[in-house]
Amino acid sequence: MHTPEEAPRKRGEPPVNADRGMTRRTVRRSGLTMPIVTARFVDNAWRRGCDFVILDLEDSVPKHLKAHARTLVRESIRKVERGGAEAFVRVNHDTPREDLEGAVWPGLKRVRYPKTEHARELVLLDGILARLERERGIAPGSIEIDPGIETALGVANTFEIASATPRTREFGASSGGYDLSRDLGVEMFVDFDQFVYARGEAEIAARTLGLGLRAAPFLANPSGSVSDGNRALVQAQAALRCGFHLGTGGLNPAVVESHNAGYTPADDELREARWVLEQYALVEESGETWLEVEGRVIDRYEAARARDTLEWADACAARDREKAEAAARTKAALGL
């Protein structure tokens, strides 16, 4: 890789005006990856209800259309934002400079860099992004980098990659990607968890570094379906029960509603959380550290989990209102 155009900030140094300074939690439950060269997908992205949309310059774009695809990003960002979704872009591993020149415009929230294998690759990206942010009037440090762990070497260097730049604020390894399957020499759609080690390495790195964690329990998908809404709902619900809040997105609009619902606490979970806090108030009044209530231990750890559930539900509700209001404005502007 080339020498970075600008040295990245040290980890722990807060980016100016970046999301780290915000108190409200980032809600990224659902998303779609779509080929930027397919106009009908991008034009209708605002209708899908996604929390984020990944505009793809990589696998879904034929080689002869790569240069053209870069010219579409600026306008596509605005189209994605019409429905309140965050706009991300996935660049090509081998042409990051060219892709970033075409992709970095106001409104872009994140760059997905596939097949990351070394920290130095992200240092290069950080420098390019810093220059483009400065040149194009974008808040310094505001564009995130999302490194894709999709090869055996990437898995081996997981912690080095996760800690390479403070632009990486969320992290996770592939949970079913074709590239990692091919590199490991295993079948992609099987009834066992062939990616458990890669995901475990990513989870440990993310938790150690205090990053947002993208992960979900294994759920077999031997058919390879990308449009099974019921499967998407079950997996998202299981992820939330494990304490995971960030979704990886999907490829078919049929899974968006399932991801939004599955990563959002259900009514019975909210009732339970409120009950736990009511019981914990009695614990505090008693002067004890814990009490057993109806066969359940109530202590400060259970109370913290309950508060987190309620705070997350509030954040999800606020995000849904944002998207609904954005979609309503777009419909009015289009006369729909």
Protein backbone atom coordinates (compact mmCIF):
# COMPACT_ATOMS: atom_id res chain seq x y z
CA MET A 1 0.00 0.00 0.00
CA HIS A 2 1.03 3.60 -0.49
CA THR A 3 2.06 6.03 2.20
CA PRO A 4 -1.08 7.66 3.66
CA GLU A 5 -1.83 11.17 2.50
CA GLU A 6 -2.42 12.25 6.07
CA ALA A 7 -1.60 10.50 9.32
CA PRO A 8 -4.80 9.27 10.97
CA ARG A 9 -5.77 10.39 14.43
CA LYS A 10 -4.66 8.21 17.28
CA ARG A 11 -7.23 5.86 18.75
CA GLY A 12 -9.00 7.56 21.60
CA GLU A 13 -8.66 11.02 20.05
CA PRO A 14 -12.24 12.11 19.32
CA PRO A 15 -12.97 13.19 15.74
CA VAL A 16 -14.24 16.73 15.40
CA ASN A 17 -18.05 16.91 15.19
CA ALA A 18 -18.28 13.15 14.78
CA ASP A 19 -20.99 10.89 16.15
CA ARG A 20 -18.95 9.97 19.21
CA GLY A 21 -19.93 13.23 20.81
CA MET A 22 -23.63 12.51 20.43
CA THR A 23 -25.60 11.20 23.35
CA ARG A 24 -28.33 9.46 21.37
CA ARG A 25 -27.59 5.90 20.38
CA THR A 26 -27.00 5.08 16.75
CA VAL A 27 -29.76 2.82 15.42
CA ARG A 28 -28.70 0.56 12.56
CA ARG A 29 -31.00 -2.44 12.62
CA SER A 30 -31.77 -2.85 8.93
CA GLY A 31 -30.09 -2.17 5.64
CA LEU A 32 -29.88 -3.15 2.01
CA THR A 33 -26.85 -3.53 -0.22
CA MET A 34 -27.76 -2.55 -3.76
CA PRO A 35 -25.87 -2.20 -7.05
CA ILE A 36 -25.55 1.50 -7.67
CA VAL A 37 -25.80 0.96 -11.44
CA THR A 38 -29.34 -0.45 -11.14
CA ALA A 39 -31.37 2.75 -11.19
CA ARG A 40 -34.71 1.27 -10.10
CA PHE A 41 -33.13 -0.05 -6.88
CA VAL A 42 -31.53 3.26 -5.95
CA ASP A 43 -34.53 5.36 -7.02
CA ASN A 44 -36.82 3.34 -4.76
CA ALA A 45 -34.43 2.97 -1.82
CA TRP A 46 -36.32 5.63 0.14
CA ARG A 47 -39.44 3.44 0.11
CA ARG A 48 -37.83 0.47 1.87
CA GLY A 49 -37.76 1.65 5.49
CA CYS A 50 -34.05 0.89 5.96
CA ASP A 51 -31.92 2.40 8.67
CA PHE A 52 -29.03 2.38 6.17
CA VAL A 53 -28.38 1.63 2.51
CA ILE A 54 -25.05 0.39 1.16
CA LEU A 55 -24.45 1.68 -2.34
CA ASP A 56 -22.30 -0.99 -3.92
CA LEU A 57 -19.39 -0.29 -6.24
CA GLU A 58 -17.91 -3.77 -5.75
CA ASP A 59 -19.22 -7.24 -6.58
CA SER A 60 -22.57 -6.20 -8.04
CA VAL A 61 -20.98 -3.81 -10.58
CA PRO A 62 -19.46 -5.30 -13.77
CA LYS A 63 -15.88 -4.32 -14.44
CA HIS A 64 -16.74 -2.29 -17.53
CA LEU A 65 -19.15 -0.15 -15.45
CA LYS A 66 -16.83 0.60 -12.51
CA ALA A 67 -15.84 4.08 -13.69
CA HIS A 68 -19.45 4.97 -14.49
CA ALA A 69 -20.60 3.71 -11.09
CA ARG A 70 -18.37 6.23 -9.33
CA THR A 71 -20.15 9.10 -11.06
CA LEU A 72 -23.49 7.99 -9.62
CA VAL A 73 -22.66 8.15 -5.93
CA ARG A 74 -23.21 11.85 -5.28
CA GLU A 75 -26.79 11.85 -6.55
CA SER A 76 -27.49 8.41 -5.09
CA ILE A 77 -26.65 9.65 -1.59
CA ARG A 78 -29.43 12.23 -1.89
CA LYS A 79 -31.85 9.60 -3.15
CA VAL A 80 -31.13 7.30 -0.22
CA GLU A 81 -31.59 10.13 2.28
CA ARG A 82 -35.13 10.79 1.02
CA GLY A 83 -36.37 7.97 3.23
CA GLY A 84 -34.24 8.89 6.22
CA ALA A 85 -31.69 6.11 5.68
CA GLU A 86 -27.99 6.64 6.22
CA ALA A 87 -25.95 6.37 3.03
CA PHE A 88 -22.97 4.01 3.02
CA VAL A 89 -20.81 2.97 0.09
CA ARG A 90 -18.86 -0.23 -0.52
CA VAL A 91 -15.69 0.39 -2.51
CA ASN A 92 -13.43 -2.06 -4.33
CA HIS A 93 -10.46 -3.51 -2.47
CA ASP A 94 -8.08 -2.86 -5.37
CA THR A 95 -9.17 0.68 -6.33
CA PRO A 96 -9.85 2.58 -3.10
CA ARG A 97 -8.38 5.90 -4.29
CA GLU A 98 -10.44 6.05 -7.45
CA ASP A 99 -13.60 4.91 -5.70
CA LEU A 100 -13.26 7.36 -2.81
CA GLU A 101 -12.73 10.28 -5.19
CA GLY A 102 -16.11 9.47 -6.67
CA ALA A 103 -17.88 8.47 -3.46
CA VAL A 104 -16.99 11.01 -0.77
CA TRP A 105 -19.63 13.73 -0.79
CA PRO A 106 -21.72 15.45 1.89
CA GLY A 107 -24.19 12.98 3.34
CA LEU A 108 -21.96 9.92 3.12
CA LYS A 109 -21.77 8.26 6.52
CA ARG A 110 -19.56 5.22 6.02
CA VAL A 111 -17.14 3.49 3.66
CA ARG A 112 -17.21 -0.28 3.58
CA TYR A 113 -13.76 -1.62 2.65
CA PRO A 114 -14.00 -5.30 1.67
CA LYS A 115 -11.43 -8.04 2.17
CA THR A 116 -9.37 -6.05 4.67
CA GLU A 117 -6.20 -7.90 5.62
CA HIS A 118 -3.84 -5.32 7.14
CA ALA A 119 -4.13 -2.23 9.32
CA ARG A 120 -2.03 -0.24 6.85
CA GLU A 121 -4.86 -0.45 4.32
CA LEU A 122 -7.14 1.42 6.69
CA VAL A 123 -4.44 3.98 7.51
CA LEU A 124 -4.34 4.78 3.80
CA LEU A 125 -8.12 5.14 3.65
CA ASP A 126 -8.13 7.39 6.70
CA GLY A 127 -5.68 9.76 5.04
CA ILE A 128 -7.64 9.92 1.79
CA LEU A 129 -10.88 10.53 3.66
CA ALA A 130 -9.30 13.30 5.74
CA ARG A 131 -8.21 15.11 2.56
CA LEU A 132 -11.56 14.71 0.82
CA GLU A 133 -13.50 15.83 3.90
CA ARG A 134 -11.39 18.98 4.03
CA GLU A 135 -11.72 19.68 0.31
CA ARG A 136 -15.46 19.03 0.12
CA GLY A 137 -16.72 20.75 3.24
CA ILE A 138 -17.45 17.62 5.25
CA ALA A 139 -16.98 17.55 9.03
CA PRO A 140 -13.48 16.21 9.81
CA GLY A 141 -13.50 12.60 10.95
CA SER A 142 -17.23 12.16 10.37
CA ILE A 143 -17.05 9.43 7.70
CA GLU A 144 -16.63 5.99 9.22
CA ILE A 145 -14.57 3.09 7.89
CA ASP A 146 -16.09 -0.38 8.08
CA PRO A 147 -13.42 -3.03 7.41
CA GLY A 148 -14.72 -6.27 5.95
CA ILE A 149 -13.14 -9.41 7.43
CA GLU A 150 -13.53 -11.84 4.53
CA THR A 151 -10.28 -13.79 4.30
CA ALA A 152 -8.26 -16.08 6.55
CA LEU A 153 -5.48 -13.47 6.73
CA GLY A 154 -8.01 -10.85 7.73
CA VAL A 155 -9.23 -13.10 10.54
CA ALA A 156 -5.64 -13.62 11.71
CA ASN A 157 -5.13 -9.83 11.85
CA THR A 158 -8.53 -9.02 13.35
CA PHE A 159 -7.39 -6.95 16.35
CA GLU A 160 -4.80 -5.03 14.31
CA ILE A 161 -7.50 -4.16 11.78
CA ALA A 162 -10.14 -3.21 14.34
CA SER A 163 -7.75 -0.86 16.13
CA ALA A 164 -6.16 0.74 13.05
CA THR A 165 -8.21 3.95 12.97
CA PRO A 166 -10.81 5.71 15.14
CA ARG A 167 -12.98 5.93 12.05
CA THR A 168 -13.87 2.29 12.76
CA ARG A 169 -16.65 2.64 15.31
CA GLU A 170 -18.46 -0.64 14.66
CA PHE A 171 -16.97 -4.01 13.91
CA GLY A 172 -17.87 -7.58 13.05
CA ALA A 173 -16.77 -10.48 10.88
CA SER A 174 -18.67 -12.12 8.05
CA SER A 175 -21.48 -14.39 9.19
CA GLY A 176 -22.07 -16.07 5.85
CA GLY A 177 -20.09 -14.38 3.12
CA TYR A 178 -19.06 -16.02 -0.11
CA ASP A 179 -15.52 -14.60 0.01
CA LEU A 180 -14.67 -16.01 3.43
CA SER A 181 -16.24 -19.35 2.54
CA ARG A 182 -14.12 -19.57 -0.59
CA ASP A 183 -10.93 -18.50 1.16
CA LEU A 184 -11.46 -21.06 3.93
CA GLY A 185 -12.41 -23.74 1.45
CA VAL A 186 -15.79 -24.49 3.04
CA GLU A 187 -19.34 -24.59 1.73
CA MET A 188 -21.28 -21.39 2.24
CA PHE A 189 -24.76 -22.78 2.98
CA VAL A 190 -24.43 -25.54 5.55
CA ASP A 191 -26.17 -26.58 8.78
CA PHE A 192 -23.17 -25.90 11.02
CA ASP A 193 -21.39 -22.70 12.02
CA GLN A 194 -18.26 -22.60 9.88
CA PHE A 195 -17.59 -18.94 10.80
CA VAL A 196 -17.73 -19.22 14.58
CA TYR A 197 -14.01 -18.56 15.05
CA ALA A 198 -13.96 -15.50 12.79
CA ARG A 199 -16.99 -13.99 14.51
CA GLY A 200 -15.56 -14.75 17.93
CA GLU A 201 -12.29 -12.99 17.13
CA ALA A 202 -14.21 -9.96 15.89
CA GLU A 203 -16.42 -9.86 18.97
CA ILE A 204 -13.47 -9.98 21.36
CA ALA A 205 -11.71 -7.22 19.42
CA ALA A 206 -14.82 -5.02 19.33
CA ARG A 207 -15.51 -5.43 23.04
CA THR A 208 -11.88 -4.84 23.99
CA LEU A 209 -11.77 -1.63 21.95
CA GLY A 210 -15.21 -0.40 22.98
CA LEU A 211 -16.59 -0.56 19.45
CA GLY A 212 -20.16 -1.17 18.42
CA LEU A 213 -20.56 -4.90 17.81
CA ARG A 214 -22.30 -6.46 14.82
CA ALA A 215 -23.03 -10.10 15.54
CA ALA A 216 -25.86 -12.62 15.58
CA PRO A 217 -26.29 -16.21 16.76
CA PHE A 218 -25.87 -18.86 14.08
CA LEU A 219 -29.05 -19.87 12.28
CA ALA A 220 -28.72 -22.45 9.52
CA ASN A 221 -29.65 -21.34 6.01
CA PRO A 222 -28.99 -24.42 3.84
CA SER A 223 -31.23 -23.08 1.05
CA GLY A 224 -29.18 -19.90 0.68
CA SER A 225 -32.34 -17.76 0.62
CA VAL A 226 -31.81 -14.00 1.01
CA SER A 227 -35.54 -13.20 1.07
CA ASP A 228 -36.80 -15.29 4.00
CA GLY A 229 -38.45 -12.71 6.23
CA ASN A 230 -39.32 -15.20 8.96
CA ARG A 231 -35.73 -16.43 9.25
CA ALA A 232 -34.52 -12.82 9.35
CA LEU A 233 -36.95 -12.04 12.17
CA VAL A 234 -35.96 -15.06 14.26
CA GLN A 235 -32.25 -14.30 13.90
CA ALA A 236 -32.69 -10.61 14.73
CA GLN A 237 -34.75 -11.44 17.82
CA ALA A 238 -32.09 -13.91 18.95
CA ALA A 239 -29.39 -11.30 18.40
CA LEU A 240 -31.23 -8.78 20.53
CA ARG A 241 -31.62 -11.31 23.34
CA CYS A 242 -27.85 -11.79 23.21
CA GLY A 243 -27.35 -8.05 23.62
CA PHE A 244 -26.48 -7.31 19.97
CA HIS A 245 -28.14 -4.19 18.57
CA LEU A 246 -26.46 -3.64 15.20
CA GLY A 247 -27.72 -5.43 12.10
CA THR A 248 -25.63 -6.46 9.12
CA GLY A 249 -28.37 -5.69 6.61
CA GLY A 250 -29.49 -7.83 3.70
CA LEU A 251 -29.89 -8.12 -0.05
CA ASN A 252 -33.67 -8.30 -0.44
CA PRO A 253 -36.32 -5.80 0.70
CA ALA A 254 -38.32 -8.70 2.16
CA VAL A 255 -36.02 -8.81 5.21
CA VAL A 256 -36.04 -5.10 6.10
CA GLU A 257 -39.24 -5.07 8.13
CA SER A 258 -38.14 -8.25 9.92
CA HIS A 259 -34.81 -6.73 10.91
CA ASN A 260 -36.46 -3.52 12.14
CA ALA A 261 -38.92 -5.51 14.23
CA GLY A 262 -36.47 -8.13 15.48
CA TYR A 263 -33.88 -5.66 16.75
CA THR A 264 -36.55 -3.53 18.45
CA PRO A 265 -37.72 -4.60 21.94
CA ALA A 266 -41.23 -6.07 21.87
CA ASP A 267 -44.02 -4.88 24.16
CA ASP A 268 -43.61 -7.82 26.55
CA GLU A 269 -39.90 -7.04 26.87
CA LEU A 270 -40.70 -3.43 27.74
CA ARG A 271 -43.22 -4.50 30.37
CA GLU A 272 -40.67 -6.85 31.89
CA ALA A 273 -37.99 -4.13 31.92
CA ARG A 274 -40.32 -1.73 33.74
CA TRP A 275 -41.23 -4.45 36.24
CA VAL A 276 -37.53 -5.13 36.94
CA LEU A 277 -36.90 -1.46 37.64
CA GLU A 278 -39.90 -1.32 39.96
CA GLN A 279 -38.55 -4.30 41.90
CA TYR A 280 -35.05 -2.85 41.98
CA ALA A 281 -36.43 0.32 43.56
CA LEU A 282 -37.59 -1.93 46.42
CA VAL A 283 -34.12 -3.48 46.61
CA GLU A 284 -32.58 -0.02 47.04
CA GLU A 285 -35.14 0.90 49.68
CA SER A 286 -34.34 -2.29 51.61
CA GLY A 287 -30.63 -1.53 51.76
CA GLU A 288 -29.87 -4.98 50.33
CA THR A 289 -27.77 -5.62 47.23
CA TRP A 290 -30.30 -8.05 45.78
CA LEU A 291 -33.66 -9.64 46.38
CA GLU A 292 -35.37 -12.70 44.99
CA VAL A 293 -38.77 -11.77 43.58
CA GLU A 294 -41.08 -14.39 42.11
CA GLY A 295 -38.15 -16.76 41.78
CA ARG A 296 -35.94 -14.22 40.02
CA VAL A 297 -32.88 -12.44 41.38
CA ILE A 298 -33.17 -8.67 41.08
CA ASP A 299 -29.90 -6.74 41.42
CA ARG A 300 -28.09 -3.82 39.87
CA TYR A 301 -27.04 -5.90 36.87
CA GLU A 302 -30.64 -6.81 36.05
CA ALA A 303 -31.61 -3.18 36.56
CA ALA A 304 -28.90 -2.00 34.19
CA ARG A 305 -30.11 -4.43 31.55
CA ALA A 306 -33.67 -3.21 31.98
CA ARG A 307 -32.64 0.43 31.63
CA ASP A 308 -30.70 -0.45 28.48
CA THR A 309 -33.77 -2.14 27.01
CA LEU A 310 -35.93 0.92 27.62
CA GLU A 311 -33.30 3.33 26.32
CA TRP A 312 -32.81 1.24 23.20
CA ALA A 313 -36.57 1.11 22.60
CA ASP A 314 -36.72 4.90 22.85
CA ALA A 315 -33.86 5.24 20.36
CA CYS A 316 -35.57 2.85 17.93
CA ALA A 317 -38.84 4.77 18.20
CA ALA A 318 -37.06 8.05 17.51
CA ARG A 319 -35.33 6.54 14.49
CA ASP A 320 -38.61 5.22 13.12
CA ARG A 321 -40.16 8.68 13.48
CA GLU A 322 -37.24 10.22 11.60
CA LYS A 323 -37.66 7.82 8.71
CA ALA A 324 -41.43 8.22 8.60
CA GLU A 325 -41.12 12.02 8.54
CA ALA A 326 -38.48 11.89 5.79
CA ALA A 327 -40.60 9.56 3.67
CA ALA A 328 -43.65 11.79 4.17
CA ARG A 329 -41.69 14.85 3.00
CA THR A 330 -40.53 12.96 -0.07
CA LYS A 331 -44.04 11.82 -0.94
CA ALA A 332 -45.30 15.37 -0.63
CA ALA A 333 -42.48 16.70 -2.80
CA LEU A 334 -43.18 14.08 -5.45
CA GLY A 335 -46.92 14.62 -5.28
CA LEU A 336 -47.61 11.03 -4.18
